[in-house]
Amino acid sequence: MNWWQLHGHQVTSTIVFSVLGMVLMGLFFAILPRILPFSLKKEMEEDQNVALAIVIGSIVIAMALIISASVTGG
C-alpha cells in the first residue's frame, strides 16, 4: 500500500475541516460588526478601548474552540 491509500482520508478530511473552520470564523467576523450597537472600528482604533479589544479577543477564542470541537466531534 502506498502512503495515499493509508493516509489520504485523514489528509482530505483535515483540509476540508480546516477550510470549514476558517469560513465559519470569517462569517463570524462579518456578522459581529452588524450586531454590535456601536462602531467596532471607532472604539478600537480611535478611542483605543483596550477592554473592548480583550472582550472581542475572548469571543474569538471561544468561537474558535466551539468550531474546533464541532469539527473534531469532541
Protein backbone atom coordinates (compact mmCIF):
# COMPACT_ATOMS: atom_id res chain seq x y z
CA MET A 1 0.00 0.00 0.00
CA ASN A 2 1.20 3.45 -0.74
CA TRP A 3 1.09 6.46 1.53
CA TRP A 4 -2.06 7.99 -0.01
CA GLN A 5 -4.08 4.80 0.48
CA LEU A 6 -3.09 4.74 4.15
CA HIS A 7 -3.49 8.45 4.96
CA GLY A 8 -5.46 10.02 2.12
CA HIS A 9 -8.77 10.12 4.02
CA GLN A 10 -7.22 11.85 7.02
CA VAL A 11 -5.42 14.43 4.86
CA THR A 12 -8.58 15.16 2.89
CA SER A 13 -10.78 15.49 5.98
CA THR A 14 -8.18 17.73 7.67
CA ILE A 15 -8.14 20.07 4.68
CA VAL A 16 -11.96 20.14 4.42
CA PHE A 17 -12.46 20.82 8.12
CA SER A 18 -9.72 23.46 8.20
CA VAL A 19 -11.38 25.33 5.35
CA LEU A 20 -14.77 24.93 7.04
CA GLY A 21 -13.40 26.37 10.29
CA MET A 22 -11.85 29.35 8.50
CA VAL A 23 -15.10 30.04 6.64
CA LEU A 24 -17.09 29.94 9.88
CA MET A 25 -14.63 32.32 11.58
CA GLY A 26 -14.85 34.63 8.56
CA LEU A 27 -18.64 34.63 8.80
CA PHE A 28 -18.37 35.44 12.49
CA PHE A 29 -16.14 38.43 11.72
CA ALA A 30 -18.55 39.58 9.03
CA ILE A 31 -21.58 39.35 11.35
CA LEU A 32 -20.01 40.78 14.51
CA PRO A 33 -19.89 44.48 13.45
CA ARG A 34 -23.52 44.28 12.32
CA ILE A 35 -24.85 43.01 15.66
CA LEU A 36 -22.91 45.44 17.85
CA PRO A 37 -24.72 48.70 18.73
CA PHE A 38 -21.54 50.76 18.19
CA SER A 39 -18.75 51.13 15.65
CA LEU A 40 -16.18 48.48 16.41
CA LYS A 41 -13.54 50.23 14.30
CA LYS A 42 -14.06 53.61 16.02
CA GLU A 43 -13.96 52.12 19.51
CA MET A 44 -10.80 50.10 18.94
CA GLU A 45 -8.80 52.37 16.63
CA GLU A 46 -9.76 55.92 17.56
CA ASP A 47 -10.77 55.55 21.21
CA GLN A 48 -8.26 52.73 21.84
CA ASN A 49 -10.69 50.82 24.02
CA VAL A 50 -8.47 48.06 25.46
CA ALA A 51 -11.30 46.44 27.40
CA LEU A 52 -13.32 46.02 24.20
CA ALA A 53 -10.29 44.52 22.45
CA ILE A 54 -9.91 41.98 25.28
CA VAL A 55 -13.61 41.07 25.14
CA ILE A 56 -13.55 40.68 21.34
CA GLY A 57 -10.39 38.58 21.60
CA SER A 58 -12.07 36.38 24.19
CA ILE A 59 -15.09 35.95 21.92
CA VAL A 60 -12.83 34.99 19.02
CA ILE A 61 -11.03 32.39 21.14
CA ALA A 62 -14.36 31.00 22.36
CA MET A 63 -15.69 30.78 18.79
CA ALA A 64 -12.51 29.03 17.68
CA LEU A 65 -12.86 26.48 20.48
CA ILE A 66 -16.52 25.86 19.64
CA ILE A 67 -15.75 25.44 15.94
CA SER A 68 -12.81 23.12 16.61
CA ALA A 69 -14.90 20.99 18.97
CA SER A 70 -17.73 20.73 16.47
CA VAL A 71 -15.37 19.89 13.60
CA THR A 72 -13.48 17.21 15.50
CA GLY A 73 -16.59 15.81 17.14
CA GLY A 74 -15.26 16.40 20.64
